């Protein structure tokens, strides 16, 4: 990486943080190209898990224990778009410095192009005072979003692109070598579909301080959530890169996101059952494994694994003790070409 991209002022660090947290939305404000390329990301994950918990506390006589069984299924479908231009740098390069350089250059060029399309001259601030004023304006506008996710996200991207262009004007210089990477990014009105189902059953005995003895308990969790949203379109969570020179046609994905479902939790102890509607935990080990498999994978395929479960399936490890178990996980996926979207989905 050129030394100029290694030097980071406080202003540049802020730009880089924003770029890394929301790069994928840099392109949507631009008018889509006449003939965009689109691919549909589709994956299905099934999880069959069993787990035991044991605790022997000298302060509370008796063996505390539980057995748990969980079933989960995640299915997700969305699209990403490429302008068809082969870029010189890998936006998801495994080398951190190279990835930072690629993202900085891409954001800077997006900012310049956006301003030129709107007919505005590109006159970046030069002095520290002008840069501080820009940061202040950004913070005020984000505050005025009042926590609305899409508003905050769009402003973060807008300013990260602008700051990248300001900090590294040399990044705006055209490339002199042929490109090889296709960037697939979110776009407005991208199609989306998801469904996450799960059920969890836990039975055992634990110490109850109110009666000063071991008592039986049970916990039941269930959910069936379609098209869950965290305030952003589903495709906003994804970025993909294809190397046109890769003979294996592998796809590099940045992060695999699964919406967290909302369902019912029932906990029973001493003949009393509580009910709560709340977000339900996905099996973290399974999500980590899916991310690792799809970080660089063929355009389609399948995989399976048996994973250890050292953390509680219900997401609550405050009871301490020893959790042991396994999750059998299966994954099928595809990232295939589809006809470009011509009308808003919603």
C-alpha atoms as a PDB file:
ATOM      1  CA  UNK A   1       0.000   0.000   0.000  1.00  0.00           C
ATOM      2  CA  UNK A   2       1.308   3.509  -0.790  1.00  0.00           C
ATOM      3  CA  UNK A   3       2.572   5.300   2.284  1.00  0.00           C
ATOM      4  CA  UNK A   4       0.059   8.108   1.749  1.00  0.00           C
ATOM      5  CA  UNK A   5      -2.771   5.703   2.593  1.00  0.00           C
ATOM      6  CA  UNK A   6      -1.081   4.532   5.781  1.00  0.00           C
ATOM      7  CA  UNK A   7      -0.990   8.026   7.287  1.00  0.00           C
ATOM      8  CA  UNK A   8      -4.134   8.650   9.307  1.00  0.00           C
ATOM      9  CA  UNK A   9      -5.055  11.957  10.950  1.00  0.00           C
ATOM     10  CA  UNK A  10      -7.931  12.052  13.426  1.00  0.00           C
ATOM     11  CA  UNK A  11     -10.124  13.246  10.574  1.00  0.00           C
ATOM     12  CA  UNK A  12      -9.091  10.323   8.394  1.00  0.00           C
ATOM     13  CA  UNK A  13      -9.696   7.814  11.187  1.00  0.00           C
ATOM     14  CA  UNK A  14     -13.265   9.055  11.501  1.00  0.00           C
ATOM     15  CA  UNK A  15     -13.770   8.646   7.775  1.00  0.00           C
ATOM     16  CA  UNK A  16     -12.315   5.147   7.820  1.00  0.00           C
ATOM     17  CA  UNK A  17     -14.527   4.039  10.709  1.00  0.00           C
ATOM     18  CA  UNK A  18     -17.614   5.215   8.888  1.00  0.00           C
ATOM     19  CA  UNK A  19     -16.466   3.614   5.665  1.00  0.00           C
ATOM     20  CA  UNK A  20     -15.971   0.237   7.305  1.00  0.00           C
ATOM     21  CA  UNK A  21     -19.316   0.362   9.106  1.00  0.00           C
ATOM     22  CA  UNK A  22     -21.412   1.217   6.090  1.00  0.00           C
ATOM     23  CA  UNK A  23     -19.575   0.966   2.822  1.00  0.00           C
ATOM     24  CA  UNK A  24     -22.316  -0.961   1.073  1.00  0.00           C
ATOM     25  CA  UNK A  25     -24.663   2.023   0.928  1.00  0.00           C
ATOM     26  CA  UNK A  26     -22.145   4.254  -0.875  1.00  0.00           C
ATOM     27  CA  UNK A  27     -23.645   3.542  -4.277  1.00  0.00           C
ATOM     28  CA  UNK A  28     -27.452   3.644  -3.809  1.00  0.00           C
ATOM     29  CA  UNK A  29     -27.829   7.419  -4.056  1.00  0.00           C
ATOM     30  CA  UNK A  30     -26.370   7.233  -7.553  1.00  0.00           C
ATOM     31  CA  UNK A  31     -28.627   6.646 -10.535  1.00  0.00           C
ATOM     32  CA  UNK A  32     -28.429   2.943 -11.471  1.00  0.00           C
ATOM     33  CA  UNK A  33     -26.512   2.230 -14.676  1.00  0.00           C
ATOM     34  CA  UNK A  34     -28.509   1.456 -17.852  1.00  0.00           C
ATOM     35  CA  UNK A  35     -27.647  -2.248 -17.709  1.00  0.00           C
ATOM     36  CA  UNK A  36     -26.805  -3.236 -14.136  1.00  0.00           C
ATOM     37  CA  UNK A  37     -25.767  -6.737 -13.199  1.00  0.00           C
ATOM     38  CA  UNK A  38     -27.698  -8.374 -10.396  1.00  0.00           C
ATOM     39  CA  UNK A  39     -27.184 -11.538  -8.404  1.00  0.00           C
ATOM     40  CA  UNK A  40     -29.469 -13.128  -5.868  1.00  0.00           C
ATOM     41  CA  UNK A  41     -27.994 -14.307  -2.591  1.00  0.00           C
ATOM     42  CA  UNK A  42     -29.989 -17.230  -1.203  1.00  0.00           C
ATOM     43  CA  UNK A  43     -29.032 -19.478   1.675  1.00  0.00           C
ATOM     44  CA  UNK A  44     -30.722 -21.966   3.989  1.00  0.00           C
ATOM     45  CA  UNK A  45     -29.271 -23.075   7.321  1.00  0.00           C
ATOM     46  CA  UNK A  46     -30.590 -25.812   9.598  1.00  0.00           C
ATOM     47  CA  UNK A  47     -29.360 -26.368  13.145  1.00  0.00           C
ATOM     48  CA  UNK A  48     -30.036 -29.424  15.327  1.00  0.00           C
ATOM     49  CA  UNK A  49     -28.472 -28.939  18.752  1.00  0.00           C
ATOM     50  CA  UNK A  50     -28.225 -30.821  22.042  1.00  0.00           C
ATOM     51  CA  UNK A  51     -26.623 -29.487  25.187  1.00  0.00           C
ATOM     52  CA  UNK A  52     -26.155 -30.302  28.871  1.00  0.00           C
ATOM     53  CA  UNK A  53     -25.430 -27.977  31.774  1.00  0.00           C
ATOM     54  CA  UNK A  54     -23.933 -28.960  35.123  1.00  0.00           C
ATOM     55  CA  UNK A  55     -22.977 -27.027  38.237  1.00  0.00           C
ATOM     56  CA  UNK A  56     -21.799 -28.152  41.645  1.00  0.00           C
ATOM     57  CA  UNK A  57     -21.652 -25.187  44.000  1.00  0.00           C
ATOM     58  CA  UNK A  58     -20.144 -25.844  47.464  1.00  0.00           C
ATOM     59  CA  UNK A  59     -22.337 -23.093  48.877  1.00  0.00           C
ATOM     60  CA  UNK A  60     -25.523 -24.786  47.660  1.00  0.00           C
ATOM     61  CA  UNK A  61     -25.502 -28.572  48.161  1.00  0.00           C
ATOM     62  CA  UNK A  62     -26.749 -30.724  45.360  1.00  0.00           C
ATOM     63  CA  UNK A  63     -26.053 -31.268  41.669  1.00  0.00           C
ATOM     64  CA  UNK A  64     -27.583 -28.650  39.398  1.00  0.00           C
ATOM     65  CA  UNK A  65     -28.173 -29.769  35.821  1.00  0.00           C
ATOM     66  CA  UNK A  66     -30.181 -29.364  32.640  1.00  0.00           C
ATOM     67  CA  UNK A  67     -30.634 -30.884  29.208  1.00  0.00           C
ATOM     68  CA  UNK A  68     -31.522 -28.807  26.159  1.00  0.00           C
ATOM     69  CA  UNK A  69     -32.663 -29.579  22.618  1.00  0.00           C
ATOM     70  CA  UNK A  70     -32.912 -26.904  19.925  1.00  0.00           C
ATOM     71  CA  UNK A  71     -33.998 -26.758  16.291  1.00  0.00           C
ATOM     72  CA  UNK A  72     -33.455 -23.726  14.064  1.00  0.00           C
ATOM     73  CA  UNK A  73     -33.918 -22.958  10.374  1.00  0.00           C
ATOM     74  CA  UNK A  74     -32.802 -19.759   8.684  1.00  0.00           C
ATOM     75  CA  UNK A  75     -33.676 -18.888   5.096  1.00  0.00           C
ATOM     76  CA  UNK A  76     -32.744 -15.618   3.441  1.00  0.00           C
ATOM     77  CA  UNK A  77     -33.012 -14.244  -0.076  1.00  0.00           C
ATOM     78  CA  UNK A  78     -31.918 -10.807  -1.329  1.00  0.00           C
ATOM     79  CA  UNK A  79     -30.115  -9.165  -4.231  1.00  0.00           C
ATOM     80  CA  UNK A  80     -26.954  -7.174  -4.802  1.00  0.00           C
ATOM     81  CA  UNK A  81     -26.078  -5.082  -7.852  1.00  0.00           C
ATOM     82  CA  UNK A  82     -22.896  -4.374  -9.813  1.00  0.00           C
ATOM     83  CA  UNK A  83     -22.415  -1.590 -12.343  1.00  0.00           C
ATOM     84  CA  UNK A  84     -20.428  -4.068 -14.428  1.00  0.00           C
ATOM     85  CA  UNK A  85     -17.179  -2.137 -14.141  1.00  0.00           C
ATOM     86  CA  UNK A  86     -14.062  -4.147 -13.350  1.00  0.00           C
ATOM     87  CA  UNK A  87     -12.240  -2.463 -10.489  1.00  0.00           C
ATOM     88  CA  UNK A  88      -8.488  -2.655  -9.867  1.00  0.00           C
ATOM     89  CA  UNK A  89      -8.687  -3.299  -6.112  1.00  0.00           C
ATOM     90  CA  UNK A  90     -10.430  -6.002  -4.112  1.00  0.00           C
ATOM     91  CA  UNK A  91     -12.979  -4.280  -1.908  1.00  0.00           C
ATOM     92  CA  UNK A  92     -12.901  -7.293   0.449  1.00  0.00           C
ATOM     93  CA  UNK A  93      -9.204  -8.044   0.270  1.00  0.00           C
ATOM     94  CA  UNK A  94      -8.147 -10.360   3.143  1.00  0.00           C
ATOM     95  CA  UNK A  95      -5.244  -8.011   3.843  1.00  0.00           C
ATOM     96  CA  UNK A  96      -6.522  -5.229   6.123  1.00  0.00           C
ATOM     97  CA  UNK A  97      -4.346  -2.480   4.654  1.00  0.00           C
ATOM     98  CA  UNK A  98      -5.249  -3.377   1.065  1.00  0.00           C
ATOM     99  CA  UNK A  99      -8.945  -3.531   1.968  1.00  0.00           C
ATOM    100  CA  UNK A 100      -8.768  -0.122   3.655  1.00  0.00           C
ATOM    101  CA  UNK A 101      -7.101   1.377   0.605  1.00  0.00           C
ATOM    102  CA  UNK A 102      -9.726  -0.093  -1.735  1.00  0.00           C
ATOM    103  CA  UNK A 103     -12.600   1.180   0.394  1.00  0.00           C
ATOM    104  CA  UNK A 104     -11.091   4.633   0.796  1.00  0.00           C
ATOM    105  CA  UNK A 105     -10.569   5.026  -2.955  1.00  0.00           C
ATOM    106  CA  UNK A 106     -14.025   3.692  -3.769  1.00  0.00           C
ATOM    107  CA  UNK A 107     -15.736   6.018  -1.295  1.00  0.00           C
ATOM    108  CA  UNK A 108     -13.775   9.042  -2.514  1.00  0.00           C
ATOM    109  CA  UNK A 109     -14.719   8.398  -6.121  1.00  0.00           C
ATOM    110  CA  UNK A 110     -18.363   7.863  -5.190  1.00  0.00           C
ATOM    111  CA  UNK A 111     -18.428  11.214  -3.395  1.00  0.00           C
ATOM    112  CA  UNK A 112     -16.918  13.078  -6.338  1.00  0.00           C
ATOM    113  CA  UNK A 113     -19.234  11.419  -8.865  1.00  0.00           C
ATOM    114  CA  UNK A 114     -22.318  12.122  -6.742  1.00  0.00           C
ATOM    115  CA  UNK A 115     -21.526  15.814  -6.474  1.00  0.00           C
ATOM    116  CA  UNK A 116     -20.798  16.091 -10.181  1.00  0.00           C
ATOM    117  CA  UNK A 117     -24.110  14.426 -11.071  1.00  0.00           C
ATOM    118  CA  UNK A 118     -25.961  16.909  -8.894  1.00  0.00           C
ATOM    119  CA  UNK A 119     -24.226  19.796 -10.645  1.00  0.00           C
ATOM    120  CA  UNK A 120     -22.308  20.867  -7.552  1.00  0.00           C
ATOM    121  CA  UNK A 121     -18.616  21.719  -7.756  1.00  0.00           C
ATOM    122  CA  UNK A 122     -16.352  19.534  -5.668  1.00  0.00           C
ATOM    123  CA  UNK A 123     -14.701  21.993  -3.280  1.00  0.00           C
ATOM    124  CA  UNK A 124     -13.492  20.063  -0.242  1.00  0.00           C
ATOM    125  CA  UNK A 125     -12.470  21.915   2.914  1.00  0.00           C
ATOM    126  CA  UNK A 126      -8.722  22.277   3.278  1.00  0.00           C
ATOM    127  CA  UNK A 127      -8.043  23.810   6.687  1.00  0.00           C
ATOM    128  CA  UNK A 128      -8.475  22.046  10.015  1.00  0.00           C
ATOM    129  CA  UNK A 129     -11.167  24.575  10.920  1.00  0.00           C
ATOM    130  CA  UNK A 130     -13.139  23.753   7.760  1.00  0.00           C
ATOM    131  CA  UNK A 131     -12.794  20.031   8.440  1.00  0.00           C
ATOM    132  CA  UNK A 132     -13.959  20.490  12.035  1.00  0.00           C
ATOM    133  CA  UNK A 133     -16.971  22.442  10.796  1.00  0.00           C
ATOM    134  CA  UNK A 134     -17.840  19.589   8.448  1.00  0.00           C
ATOM    135  CA  UNK A 135     -17.644  17.066  11.295  1.00  0.00           C
ATOM    136  CA  UNK A 136     -19.849  19.295  13.448  1.00  0.00           C
ATOM    137  CA  UNK A 137     -22.422  19.539  10.670  1.00  0.00           C
ATOM    138  CA  UNK A 138     -22.417  15.754  10.321  1.00  0.00           C
ATOM    139  CA  UNK A 139     -22.975  15.226  14.048  1.00  0.00           C
ATOM    140  CA  UNK A 140     -25.850  17.727  14.104  1.00  0.00           C
ATOM    141  CA  UNK A 141     -27.569  16.093  11.132  1.00  0.00           C
ATOM    142  CA  UNK A 142     -27.201  12.632  12.632  1.00  0.00           C
ATOM    143  CA  UNK A 143     -28.630  13.929  15.925  1.00  0.00           C
ATOM    144  CA  UNK A 144     -31.625  15.277  13.997  1.00  0.00           C
ATOM    145  CA  UNK A 145     -32.270  11.764  12.675  1.00  0.00           C
ATOM    146  CA  UNK A 146     -33.465  11.007  16.241  1.00  0.00           C
ATOM    147  CA  UNK A 147     -32.264   7.414  16.052  1.00  0.00           C
ATOM    148  CA  UNK A 148     -34.073   6.500  12.825  1.00  0.00           C
ATOM    149  CA  UNK A 149     -31.800   3.763  11.365  1.00  0.00           C
ATOM    150  CA  UNK A 150     -32.101   4.554   7.649  1.00  0.00           C
ATOM    151  CA  UNK A 151     -31.532   8.294   8.172  1.00  0.00           C
ATOM    152  CA  UNK A 152     -28.468   7.719  10.357  1.00  0.00           C
ATOM    153  CA  UNK A 153     -27.081   5.092   8.007  1.00  0.00           C
ATOM    154  CA  UNK A 154     -27.440   7.277   4.894  1.00  0.00           C
ATOM    155  CA  UNK A 155     -25.749  10.239   6.568  1.00  0.00           C
ATOM    156  CA  UNK A 156     -22.878   8.082   7.799  1.00  0.00           C
ATOM    157  CA  UNK A 157     -22.269   6.886   4.257  1.00  0.00           C
ATOM    158  CA  UNK A 158     -22.624  10.329   2.749  1.00  0.00           C
ATOM    159  CA  UNK A 159     -20.048  11.841   5.061  1.00  0.00           C
ATOM    160  CA  UNK A 160     -17.664   8.884   5.036  1.00  0.00           C
ATOM    161  CA  UNK A 161     -17.463   9.136   1.254  1.00  0.00           C
ATOM    162  CA  UNK A 162     -16.977  12.890   1.382  1.00  0.00           C
ATOM    163  CA  UNK A 163     -14.279  12.675   4.046  1.00  0.00           C
ATOM    164  CA  UNK A 164     -12.428   9.984   2.105  1.00  0.00           C
ATOM    165  CA  UNK A 165     -12.340  12.266  -0.933  1.00  0.00           C
ATOM    166  CA  UNK A 166     -11.150  15.188   1.184  1.00  0.00           C
ATOM    167  CA  UNK A 167      -8.404  13.283   2.974  1.00  0.00           C
ATOM    168  CA  UNK A 168      -7.048  11.523  -0.115  1.00  0.00           C
ATOM    169  CA  UNK A 169      -7.586  13.670  -3.226  1.00  0.00           C
ATOM    170  CA  UNK A 170      -4.958  11.561  -5.021  1.00  0.00           C
ATOM    171  CA  UNK A 171      -7.401   8.631  -4.795  1.00  0.00           C
ATOM    172  CA  UNK A 172      -9.520  10.402  -7.403  1.00  0.00           C
ATOM    173  CA  UNK A 173      -6.867   9.912 -10.052  1.00  0.00           C
ATOM    174  CA  UNK A 174      -7.913   7.348 -12.709  1.00  0.00           C
ATOM    175  CA  UNK A 175      -6.386   3.863 -12.653  1.00  0.00           C
ATOM    176  CA  UNK A 176      -3.804   3.047 -15.277  1.00  0.00           C
ATOM    177  CA  UNK A 177      -4.051  -0.762 -15.177  1.00  0.00           C
ATOM    178  CA  UNK A 178      -6.941  -3.065 -16.147  1.00  0.00           C
ATOM    179  CA  UNK A 179      -9.428  -4.005 -13.454  1.00  0.00           C
ATOM    180  CA  UNK A 180     -10.497  -7.496 -12.415  1.00  0.00           C
ATOM    181  CA  UNK A 181     -12.974  -7.209  -9.516  1.00  0.00           C
ATOM    182  CA  UNK A 182     -16.756  -6.827  -9.717  1.00  0.00           C
ATOM    183  CA  UNK A 183     -18.331  -5.122  -6.701  1.00  0.00           C
ATOM    184  CA  UNK A 184     -21.859  -6.248  -5.790  1.00  0.00           C
ATOM    185  CA  UNK A 185     -23.547  -3.745  -3.485  1.00  0.00           C
ATOM    186  CA  UNK A 186     -26.982  -2.944  -2.050  1.00  0.00           C
ATOM    187  CA  UNK A 187     -29.398  -0.822  -4.045  1.00  0.00           C
ATOM    188  CA  UNK A 188     -32.660   0.915  -3.307  1.00  0.00           C
ATOM    189  CA  UNK A 189     -35.801  -1.231  -3.433  1.00  0.00           C
ATOM    190  CA  UNK A 190     -33.738  -4.423  -3.470  1.00  0.00           C
ATOM    191  CA  UNK A 191     -35.931  -7.538  -3.213  1.00  0.00           C
ATOM    192  CA  UNK A 192     -35.805  -9.289   0.138  1.00  0.00           C
ATOM    193  CA  UNK A 193     -37.297 -12.296   1.841  1.00  0.00           C
ATOM    194  CA  UNK A 194     -36.387 -14.056   5.061  1.00  0.00           C
ATOM    195  CA  UNK A 195     -37.850 -16.512   7.521  1.00  0.00           C
ATOM    196  CA  UNK A 196     -36.304 -17.731  10.763  1.00  0.00           C
ATOM    197  CA  UNK A 197     -37.917 -20.462  12.852  1.00  0.00           C
ATOM    198  CA  UNK A 198     -36.688 -21.974  16.093  1.00  0.00           C
ATOM    199  CA  UNK A 199     -37.698 -23.934  19.143  1.00  0.00           C
ATOM    200  CA  UNK A 200     -35.773 -24.659  22.312  1.00  0.00           C
ATOM    201  CA  UNK A 201     -36.641 -26.968  25.217  1.00  0.00           C
ATOM    202  CA  UNK A 202     -34.633 -26.995  28.454  1.00  0.00           C
ATOM    203  CA  UNK A 203     -35.417 -29.154  31.513  1.00  0.00           C
ATOM    204  CA  UNK A 204     -33.436 -29.596  34.709  1.00  0.00           C
ATOM    205  CA  UNK A 205     -32.930 -28.734  38.371  1.00  0.00           C
ATOM    206  CA  UNK A 206     -31.350 -25.636  39.858  1.00  0.00           C
ATOM    207  CA  UNK A 207     -30.896 -24.082  43.275  1.00  0.00           C
ATOM    208  CA  UNK A 208     -33.672 -21.727  44.361  1.00  0.00           C
ATOM    209  CA  UNK A 209     -32.595 -19.367  47.139  1.00  0.00           C
ATOM    210  CA  UNK A 210     -36.192 -18.612  48.188  1.00  0.00           C
ATOM    211  CA  UNK A 211     -36.748 -22.201  49.332  1.00  0.00           C
ATOM    212  CA  UNK A 212     -33.044 -22.999  49.870  1.00  0.00           C
ATOM    213  CA  UNK A 213     -33.081 -26.200  47.836  1.00  0.00           C
ATOM    214  CA  UNK A 214     -32.961 -27.630  44.361  1.00  0.00           C
ATOM    215  CA  UNK A 215     -36.168 -27.321  42.349  1.00  0.00           C
ATOM    216  CA  UNK A 216     -37.176 -28.550  38.866  1.00  0.00           C
ATOM    217  CA  UNK A 217     -37.430 -25.982  36.111  1.00  0.00           C
ATOM    218  CA  UNK A 218     -38.249 -25.871  32.420  1.00  0.00           C
ATOM    219  CA  UNK A 219     -37.786 -23.309  29.679  1.00  0.00           C
ATOM    220  CA  UNK A 220     -39.486 -23.208  26.284  1.00  0.00           C
ATOM    221  CA  UNK A 221     -38.640 -20.798  23.489  1.00  0.00           C
ATOM    222  CA  UNK A 222     -40.186 -20.596  20.027  1.00  0.00           C
ATOM    223  CA  UNK A 223     -40.294 -18.208  17.100  1.00  0.00           C
ATOM    224  CA  UNK A 224     -41.430 -18.069  13.490  1.00  0.00           C
ATOM    225  CA  UNK A 225     -40.486 -14.684  12.042  1.00  0.00           C
ATOM    226  CA  UNK A 226     -40.785 -13.624   8.401  1.00  0.00           C
ATOM    227  CA  UNK A 227     -39.073 -10.565   6.935  1.00  0.00           C
ATOM    228  CA  UNK A 228     -37.742  -9.228  10.228  1.00  0.00           C
ATOM    229  CA  UNK A 229     -36.190  -5.776   9.974  1.00  0.00           C
ATOM    230  CA  UNK A 230     -33.767  -3.728  12.042  1.00  0.00           C
ATOM    231  CA  UNK A 231     -34.868  -0.592  10.201  1.00  0.00           C
ATOM    232  CA  UNK A 232     -32.704  -1.206   7.136  1.00  0.00           C
ATOM    233  CA  UNK A 233     -33.392  -3.162   3.934  1.00  0.00           C
ATOM    234  CA  UNK A 234     -31.961  -6.652   4.147  1.00  0.00           C
ATOM    235  CA  UNK A 235     -29.428  -6.129   1.359  1.00  0.00           C
ATOM    236  CA  UNK A 236     -27.811  -3.277   3.323  1.00  0.00           C
ATOM    237  CA  UNK A 237     -26.054  -5.902   5.436  1.00  0.00           C
ATOM    238  CA  UNK A 238     -24.191  -7.491   2.525  1.00  0.00           C
ATOM    239  CA  UNK A 239     -21.305  -6.752   0.163  1.00  0.00           C
ATOM    240  CA  UNK A 240     -19.824  -9.240  -2.310  1.00  0.00           C
ATOM    241  CA  UNK A 241     -16.836  -9.241  -4.662  1.00  0.00           C
ATOM    242  CA  UNK A 242     -16.107 -11.537  -7.615  1.00  0.00           C
ATOM    243  CA  UNK A 243     -12.605 -11.833  -9.052  1.00  0.00           C
ATOM    244  CA  UNK A 244     -13.041 -12.148 -12.823  1.00  0.00           C
ATOM    245  CA  UNK A 245      -9.670 -13.903 -13.075  1.00  0.00           C
ATOM    246  CA  UNK A 246     -10.494 -16.590 -10.503  1.00  0.00           C
ATOM    247  CA  UNK A 247     -10.844 -19.878 -12.438  1.00  0.00           C
ATOM    248  CA  UNK A 248     -12.983 -21.305  -9.628  1.00  0.00           C
ATOM    249  CA  UNK A 249     -15.478 -18.410  -9.834  1.00  0.00           C
ATOM    250  CA  UNK A 250     -15.450 -17.935  -6.092  1.00  0.00           C
ATOM    251  CA  UNK A 251     -17.404 -15.174  -4.370  1.00  0.00           C
ATOM    252  CA  UNK A 252     -16.069 -13.244  -1.405  1.00  0.00           C
ATOM    253  CA  UNK A 253     -18.724 -12.114   1.096  1.00  0.00           C
ATOM    254  CA  UNK A 254     -18.066  -9.520   3.782  1.00  0.00           C
ATOM    255  CA  UNK A 255     -20.586 -10.554   6.445  1.00  0.00           C
ATOM    256  CA  UNK A 256     -23.455 -13.025   6.547  1.00  0.00           C
ATOM    257  CA  UNK A 257     -26.372 -11.476   8.396  1.00  0.00           C
ATOM    258  CA  UNK A 258     -29.408 -13.318   9.777  1.00  0.00           C
ATOM    259  CA  UNK A 259     -32.302 -11.265  11.219  1.00  0.00           C
ATOM    260  CA  UNK A 260     -32.930 -12.093  14.850  1.00  0.00           C
ATOM    261  CA  UNK A 261     -36.446 -13.475  15.318  1.00  0.00           C
ATOM    262  CA  UNK A 262     -38.949 -12.401  17.969  1.00  0.00           C
ATOM    263  CA  UNK A 263     -40.845 -15.157  19.747  1.00  0.00           C
ATOM    264  CA  UNK A 264     -42.214 -16.424  23.037  1.00  0.00           C
ATOM    265  CA  UNK A 265     -40.238 -17.461  26.102  1.00  0.00           C
ATOM    266  CA  UNK A 266     -41.940 -19.521  28.835  1.00  0.00           C
ATOM    267  CA  UNK A 267     -40.099 -20.297  32.055  1.00  0.00           C
ATOM    268  CA  UNK A 268     -41.567 -22.595  34.694  1.00  0.00           C
ATOM    269  CA  UNK A 269     -40.295 -23.062  38.247  1.00  0.00           C
ATOM    270  CA  UNK A 270     -42.192 -24.006  41.450  1.00  0.00           C
ATOM    271  CA  UNK A 271     -45.505 -24.307  39.538  1.00  0.00           C
ATOM    272  CA  UNK A 272     -45.264 -20.754  38.230  1.00  0.00           C
ATOM    273  CA  UNK A 273     -44.868 -20.005  34.517  1.00  0.00           C
ATOM    274  CA  UNK A 274     -43.797 -16.634  33.152  1.00  0.00           C
ATOM    275  CA  UNK A 275     -44.440 -15.584  29.554  1.00  0.00           C
ATOM    276  CA  UNK A 276     -42.456 -13.024  27.571  1.00  0.00           C
ATOM    277  CA  UNK A 277     -42.354 -11.986  23.934  1.00  0.00           C
ATOM    278  CA  UNK A 278     -38.768 -11.107  23.124  1.00  0.00           C
ATOM    279  CA  UNK A 279     -35.915 -11.501  20.599  1.00  0.00           C
ATOM    280  CA  UNK A 280     -34.725 -15.091  20.509  1.00  0.00           C
ATOM    281  CA  UNK A 281     -31.055 -16.129  20.273  1.00  0.00           C
ATOM    282  CA  UNK A 282     -29.573 -17.743  17.192  1.00  0.00           C
ATOM    283  CA  UNK A 283     -26.906 -20.377  17.711  1.00  0.00           C
ATOM    284  CA  UNK A 284     -23.797 -18.216  17.638  1.00  0.00           C
ATOM    285  CA  UNK A 285     -21.419 -21.044  16.761  1.00  0.00           C
ATOM    286  CA  UNK A 286     -23.529 -21.836  13.698  1.00  0.00           C
ATOM    287  CA  UNK A 287     -23.582 -18.219  12.514  1.00  0.00           C
ATOM    288  CA  UNK A 288     -19.800 -17.946  12.933  1.00  0.00           C
ATOM    289  CA  UNK A 289     -19.351 -21.127  10.896  1.00  0.00           C
ATOM    290  CA  UNK A 290     -21.642 -19.911   8.087  1.00  0.00           C
ATOM    291  CA  UNK A 291     -19.654 -16.670   7.910  1.00  0.00           C
ATOM    292  CA  UNK A 292     -16.419 -18.625   7.641  1.00  0.00           C
ATOM    293  CA  UNK A 293     -17.749 -20.953   4.919  1.00  0.00           C
ATOM    294  CA  UNK A 294     -19.115 -18.120   2.768  1.00  0.00           C
ATOM    295  CA  UNK A 295     -16.224 -15.715   3.283  1.00  0.00           C
ATOM    296  CA  UNK A 296     -14.804 -17.052   0.015  1.00  0.00           C
ATOM    297  CA  UNK A 297     -16.883 -19.774  -1.592  1.00  0.00           C
ATOM    298  CA  UNK A 298     -18.125 -21.022  -4.977  1.00  0.00           C
ATOM    299  CA  UNK A 299     -21.200 -19.387  -6.502  1.00  0.00           C
ATOM    300  CA  UNK A 300     -23.310 -22.242  -5.120  1.00  0.00           C
ATOM    301  CA  UNK A 301     -22.825 -25.254  -2.938  1.00  0.00           C
ATOM    302  CA  UNK A 302     -23.576 -27.027   0.317  1.00  0.00           C
ATOM    303  CA  UNK A 303     -21.686 -27.829   3.491  1.00  0.00           C
ATOM    304  CA  UNK A 304     -22.241 -29.375   6.909  1.00  0.00           C
ATOM    305  CA  UNK A 305     -20.447 -29.507  10.229  1.00  0.00           C
ATOM    306  CA  UNK A 306     -20.782 -30.619  13.832  1.00  0.00           C
ATOM    307  CA  UNK A 307     -19.842 -27.778  16.141  1.00  0.00           C
ATOM    308  CA  UNK A 308     -19.116 -27.648  19.898  1.00  0.00           C
ATOM    309  CA  UNK A 309     -21.443 -25.594  22.096  1.00  0.00           C
ATOM    310  CA  UNK A 310     -19.531 -24.119  25.061  1.00  0.00           C
ATOM    311  CA  UNK A 311     -22.143 -21.374  25.607  1.00  0.00           C
ATOM    312  CA  UNK A 312     -25.743 -21.641  26.697  1.00  0.00           C
ATOM    313  CA  UNK A 313     -28.290 -22.169  23.906  1.00  0.00           C
ATOM    314  CA  UNK A 314     -30.709 -19.696  25.481  1.00  0.00           C
ATOM    315  CA  UNK A 315     -28.127 -16.925  25.366  1.00  0.00           C
ATOM    316  CA  UNK A 316     -27.912 -16.650  29.159  1.00  0.00           C
ATOM    317  CA  UNK A 317     -24.677 -17.814  30.726  1.00  0.00           C
ATOM    318  CA  UNK A 318     -25.087 -15.956  34.037  1.00  0.00           C
ATOM    319  CA  UNK A 319     -25.777 -19.187  35.913  1.00  0.00           C
ATOM    320  CA  UNK A 320     -22.158 -20.207  35.363  1.00  0.00           C
ATOM    321  CA  UNK A 321     -21.341 -23.886  35.352  1.00  0.00           C
ATOM    322  CA  UNK A 322     -20.285 -26.082  32.445  1.00  0.00           C
ATOM    323  CA  UNK A 323     -22.124 -26.220  29.128  1.00  0.00           C
ATOM    324  CA  UNK A 324     -21.350 -29.087  26.769  1.00  0.00           C
ATOM    325  CA  UNK A 325     -23.006 -30.122  23.552  1.00  0.00           C
ATOM    326  CA  UNK A 326     -22.951 -30.122  19.781  1.00  0.00           C
ATOM    327  CA  UNK A 327     -24.849 -28.521  16.926  1.00  0.00           C
ATOM    328  CA  UNK A 328     -25.256 -30.313  13.613  1.00  0.00           C
ATOM    329  CA  UNK A 329     -25.401 -27.560  11.002  1.00  0.00           C
ATOM    330  CA  UNK A 330     -26.214 -27.788   7.295  1.00  0.00           C
ATOM    331  CA  UNK A 331     -25.885 -24.975   4.770  1.00  0.00           C
ATOM    332  CA  UNK A 332     -26.930 -24.595   1.133  1.00  0.00           C
ATOM    333  CA  UNK A 333     -26.309 -21.387  -0.774  1.00  0.00           C
ATOM    334  CA  UNK A 334     -26.252 -19.733  -4.178  1.00  0.00           C
ATOM    335  CA  UNK A 335     -25.235 -16.365  -5.575  1.00  0.00           C
ATOM    336  CA  UNK A 336     -26.507 -16.628  -9.124  1.00  0.00           C
ATOM    337  CA  UNK A 337     -27.213 -14.156 -11.894  1.00  0.00           C
ATOM    338  CA  UNK A 338     -30.786 -12.882 -12.225  1.00  0.00           C
ATOM    339  CA  UNK A 339     -32.574 -10.420 -14.483  1.00  0.00           C
ATOM    340  CA  UNK A 340     -32.022  -6.867 -13.259  1.00  0.00           C
ATOM    341  CA  UNK A 341     -34.807  -5.332 -11.208  1.00  0.00           C
ATOM    342  CA  UNK A 342     -36.720  -2.813 -13.299  1.00  0.00           C
ATOM    343  CA  UNK A 343     -39.312  -1.559 -10.804  1.00  0.00           C
ATOM    344  CA  UNK A 344     -39.454  -0.930  -7.058  1.00  0.00           C
ATOM    345  CA  UNK A 345     -40.278  -4.033  -5.050  1.00  0.00           C
ATOM    346  CA  UNK A 346     -42.408  -2.114  -2.565  1.00  0.00           C
END
